Amino acid sequence: MTRRPVSTPVRALAASSYLFPVALFLLAVPAYRQVRLIRIHSLVSVLLGLGVFVVVAVLGHITVFALSLFVGLLLTLAIAGYFGVAGWGAFRAYQGREPPVPILVDLARRIDQRSNRPRSRRS
């Protein structure tokens, strides 16, 4: 089975989805949400951003002086890791490939399948 090549504007939108507000916008607009590459990369970007937000929020509340240097190092690594994974994901999106983190891709696909599942009509 051969896949059709993805156009450059679609790949550019998928790559720009690694900016958090852009990802939310792309998921909100139905025309962009219909494109699978944009939808998956946007979902992965949102999941990645929320995960880093939770890590930073939890680590940011540790105020014990003895641990502050270690916590600062962990915060720096978490934020640098986020930018590294987001940059790598944007690069792969521009190539028309899947996001780089398989766990987030699986979770994004589950969310995507649940949101696109036809709803039963109840009376």
C-alpha atoms as a PDB file:
ATOM      1  CA  MET A   1       0.000   0.000   0.000  1.00  0.00           C
ATOM      2  CA  THR A   2       1.522   3.297  -1.061  1.00  0.00           C
ATOM      3  CA  ARG A   3       0.744   6.522   0.712  1.00  0.00           C
ATOM      4  CA  ARG A   4       0.045   9.777  -1.013  1.00  0.00           C
ATOM      5  CA  PRO A   5       2.630  12.476  -0.425  1.00  0.00           C
ATOM      6  CA  VAL A   6       1.478  15.162   1.987  1.00  0.00           C
ATOM      7  CA  SER A   7       1.493  18.728   0.698  1.00  0.00           C
ATOM      8  CA  THR A   8       3.935  21.280   2.063  1.00  0.00           C
ATOM      9  CA  PRO A   9       1.298  23.550   3.693  1.00  0.00           C
ATOM     10  CA  VAL A  10      -0.160  20.579   5.577  1.00  0.00           C
ATOM     11  CA  ARG A  11       3.290  19.525   6.766  1.00  0.00           C
ATOM     12  CA  ALA A  12       4.062  23.116   7.809  1.00  0.00           C
ATOM     13  CA  LEU A  13       0.840  23.307   9.828  1.00  0.00           C
ATOM     14  CA  ALA A  14       1.625  19.967  11.465  1.00  0.00           C
ATOM     15  CA  ALA A  15       5.120  21.233  12.342  1.00  0.00           C
ATOM     16  CA  SER A  16       3.762  24.497  13.752  1.00  0.00           C
ATOM     17  CA  SER A  17       1.407  22.526  15.993  1.00  0.00           C
ATOM     18  CA  TYR A  18       4.282  22.080  18.436  1.00  0.00           C
ATOM     19  CA  LEU A  19       3.617  25.641  19.550  1.00  0.00           C
ATOM     20  CA  PHE A  20       0.979  25.007  22.210  1.00  0.00           C
ATOM     21  CA  PRO A  21      -1.562  27.736  21.262  1.00  0.00           C
ATOM     22  CA  VAL A  22      -1.296  26.775  17.585  1.00  0.00           C
ATOM     23  CA  ALA A  23      -2.036  23.141  18.468  1.00  0.00           C
ATOM     24  CA  LEU A  24      -5.184  24.156  20.325  1.00  0.00           C
ATOM     25  CA  PHE A  25      -6.264  26.320  17.380  1.00  0.00           C
ATOM     26  CA  LEU A  26      -5.659  23.518  14.877  1.00  0.00           C
ATOM     27  CA  LEU A  27      -7.689  21.100  16.986  1.00  0.00           C
ATOM     28  CA  ALA A  28     -10.525  23.630  17.286  1.00  0.00           C
ATOM     29  CA  VAL A  29     -10.905  24.331  13.556  1.00  0.00           C
ATOM     30  CA  PRO A  30     -12.827  21.492  11.831  1.00  0.00           C
ATOM     31  CA  ALA A  31     -11.080  21.933   8.465  1.00  0.00           C
ATOM     32  CA  TYR A  32      -7.665  21.328  10.028  1.00  0.00           C
ATOM     33  CA  ARG A  33      -8.920  18.648  12.395  1.00  0.00           C
ATOM     34  CA  GLN A  34      -9.921  16.475   9.409  1.00  0.00           C
ATOM     35  CA  VAL A  35      -6.280  16.091   8.288  1.00  0.00           C
ATOM     36  CA  ARG A  36      -4.796  13.107  10.130  1.00  0.00           C
ATOM     37  CA  LEU A  37      -1.182  14.372  10.172  1.00  0.00           C
ATOM     38  CA  ILE A  38      -2.193  17.706  11.701  1.00  0.00           C
ATOM     39  CA  ARG A  39      -4.579  16.059  14.165  1.00  0.00           C
ATOM     40  CA  ILE A  40      -2.080  13.498  15.493  1.00  0.00           C
ATOM     41  CA  HIS A  41       0.803  15.983  15.812  1.00  0.00           C
ATOM     42  CA  SER A  42      -1.483  18.509  17.507  1.00  0.00           C
ATOM     43  CA  LEU A  43      -2.723  15.917  19.995  1.00  0.00           C
ATOM     44  CA  VAL A  44       0.828  14.782  20.749  1.00  0.00           C
ATOM     45  CA  SER A  45       1.875  18.410  21.225  1.00  0.00           C
ATOM     46  CA  VAL A  46      -0.966  19.065  23.670  1.00  0.00           C
ATOM     47  CA  LEU A  47      -0.227  15.876  25.610  1.00  0.00           C
ATOM     48  CA  LEU A  48       3.487  16.718  25.734  1.00  0.00           C
ATOM     49  CA  GLY A  49       2.777  20.268  26.895  1.00  0.00           C
ATOM     50  CA  LEU A  50       0.365  19.127  29.588  1.00  0.00           C
ATOM     51  CA  GLY A  51       2.825  16.492  30.794  1.00  0.00           C
ATOM     52  CA  VAL A  52       5.640  19.017  31.145  1.00  0.00           C
ATOM     53  CA  PHE A  53       3.262  21.471  32.818  1.00  0.00           C
ATOM     54  CA  VAL A  54       2.368  18.861  35.444  1.00  0.00           C
ATOM     55  CA  VAL A  55       6.044  17.985  36.043  1.00  0.00           C
ATOM     56  CA  VAL A  56       7.018  21.653  36.403  1.00  0.00           C
ATOM     57  CA  ALA A  57       4.049  22.364  38.687  1.00  0.00           C
ATOM     58  CA  VAL A  58       4.869  19.439  40.974  1.00  0.00           C
ATOM     59  CA  LEU A  59       8.608  20.093  41.085  1.00  0.00           C
ATOM     60  CA  GLY A  60       8.083  23.837  41.466  1.00  0.00           C
ATOM     61  CA  HIS A  61       6.350  23.352  44.797  1.00  0.00           C
ATOM     62  CA  ILE A  62       9.328  21.667  46.430  1.00  0.00           C
ATOM     63  CA  THR A  63      10.878  24.426  48.505  1.00  0.00           C
ATOM     64  CA  VAL A  64      13.229  22.587  50.806  1.00  0.00           C
ATOM     65  CA  PHE A  65      16.549  24.447  50.547  1.00  0.00           C
ATOM     66  CA  ALA A  66      18.662  21.306  50.447  1.00  0.00           C
ATOM     67  CA  LEU A  67      16.758  20.021  47.447  1.00  0.00           C
ATOM     68  CA  SER A  68      16.356  23.333  45.624  1.00  0.00           C
ATOM     69  CA  LEU A  69      19.508  22.922  43.520  1.00  0.00           C
ATOM     70  CA  PHE A  70      18.522  19.388  42.528  1.00  0.00           C
ATOM     71  CA  VAL A  71      14.937  20.454  41.791  1.00  0.00           C
ATOM     72  CA  GLY A  72      16.218  23.386  39.721  1.00  0.00           C
ATOM     73  CA  LEU A  73      18.319  20.962  37.707  1.00  0.00           C
ATOM     74  CA  LEU A  74      15.311  18.680  37.175  1.00  0.00           C
ATOM     75  CA  LEU A  75      13.181  21.645  36.098  1.00  0.00           C
ATOM     76  CA  THR A  76      15.844  22.732  33.642  1.00  0.00           C
ATOM     77  CA  LEU A  77      16.102  19.210  32.243  1.00  0.00           C
ATOM     78  CA  ALA A  78      12.306  18.911  31.941  1.00  0.00           C
ATOM     79  CA  ILE A  79      11.988  22.194  30.052  1.00  0.00           C
ATOM     80  CA  ALA A  80      15.010  21.509  27.844  1.00  0.00           C
ATOM     81  CA  GLY A  81      13.668  18.021  27.158  1.00  0.00           C
ATOM     82  CA  TYR A  82      10.311  19.502  26.194  1.00  0.00           C
ATOM     83  CA  PHE A  83      11.915  21.859  23.684  1.00  0.00           C
ATOM     84  CA  GLY A  84      14.086  19.038  22.337  1.00  0.00           C
ATOM     85  CA  VAL A  85      11.180  16.646  21.834  1.00  0.00           C
ATOM     86  CA  ALA A  86       8.996  19.439  20.418  1.00  0.00           C
ATOM     87  CA  GLY A  87      11.730  20.418  17.974  1.00  0.00           C
ATOM     88  CA  TRP A  88      12.261  16.825  16.914  1.00  0.00           C
ATOM     89  CA  GLY A  89       8.514  16.371  16.553  1.00  0.00           C
ATOM     90  CA  ALA A  90       8.218  19.498  14.410  1.00  0.00           C
ATOM     91  CA  PHE A  91      11.052  18.247  12.224  1.00  0.00           C
ATOM     92  CA  ARG A  92       9.372  14.875  11.779  1.00  0.00           C
ATOM     93  CA  ALA A  93       6.019  16.553  11.103  1.00  0.00           C
ATOM     94  CA  TYR A  94       7.575  18.617   8.338  1.00  0.00           C
ATOM     95  CA  GLN A  95       8.932  15.410   6.838  1.00  0.00           C
ATOM     96  CA  GLY A  96       5.396  13.975   6.924  1.00  0.00           C
ATOM     97  CA  ARG A  97       6.292  11.290   9.458  1.00  0.00           C
ATOM     98  CA  GLU A  98       4.830  10.270  12.815  1.00  0.00           C
ATOM     99  CA  PRO A  99       5.713  12.014  16.097  1.00  0.00           C
ATOM    100  CA  PRO A 100       8.868  10.796  17.875  1.00  0.00           C
ATOM    101  CA  VAL A 101       7.373   9.578  21.173  1.00  0.00           C
ATOM    102  CA  PRO A 102       5.551   6.232  20.684  1.00  0.00           C
ATOM    103  CA  ILE A 103       3.734   6.346  24.033  1.00  0.00           C
ATOM    104  CA  LEU A 104       2.228   9.739  23.261  1.00  0.00           C
ATOM    105  CA  VAL A 105       1.340   8.600  19.725  1.00  0.00           C
ATOM    106  CA  ASP A 106      -0.593   5.614  21.105  1.00  0.00           C
ATOM    107  CA  LEU A 107      -2.415   7.839  23.599  1.00  0.00           C
ATOM    108  CA  ALA A 108      -3.184  10.407  20.880  1.00  0.00           C
ATOM    109  CA  ARG A 109      -4.584   7.662  18.633  1.00  0.00           C
ATOM    110  CA  ARG A 110      -6.845   6.419  21.435  1.00  0.00           C
ATOM    111  CA  ILE A 111      -8.123   9.945  22.047  1.00  0.00           C
ATOM    112  CA  ASP A 112      -8.580  10.422  18.312  1.00  0.00           C
ATOM    113  CA  GLN A 113     -10.541   7.185  17.944  1.00  0.00           C
ATOM    114  CA  ARG A 114     -12.811   8.054  20.853  1.00  0.00           C
ATOM    115  CA  SER A 115     -13.504  11.548  19.567  1.00  0.00           C
ATOM    116  CA  ASN A 116     -14.239  10.329  16.018  1.00  0.00           C
ATOM    117  CA  ARG A 117     -16.414   7.392  17.037  1.00  0.00           C
ATOM    118  CA  PRO A 118     -20.029   7.778  15.911  1.00  0.00           C
ATOM    119  CA  ARG A 119     -22.290   8.519  18.823  1.00  0.00           C
ATOM    120  CA  SER A 120     -25.408   6.453  19.330  1.00  0.00           C
ATOM    121  CA  ARG A 121     -28.707   8.282  19.308  1.00  0.00           C
ATOM    122  CA  ARG A 122     -30.668   7.969  22.499  1.00  0.00           C
ATOM    123  CA  SER A 123     -34.248   9.017  22.777  1.00  0.00           C
END
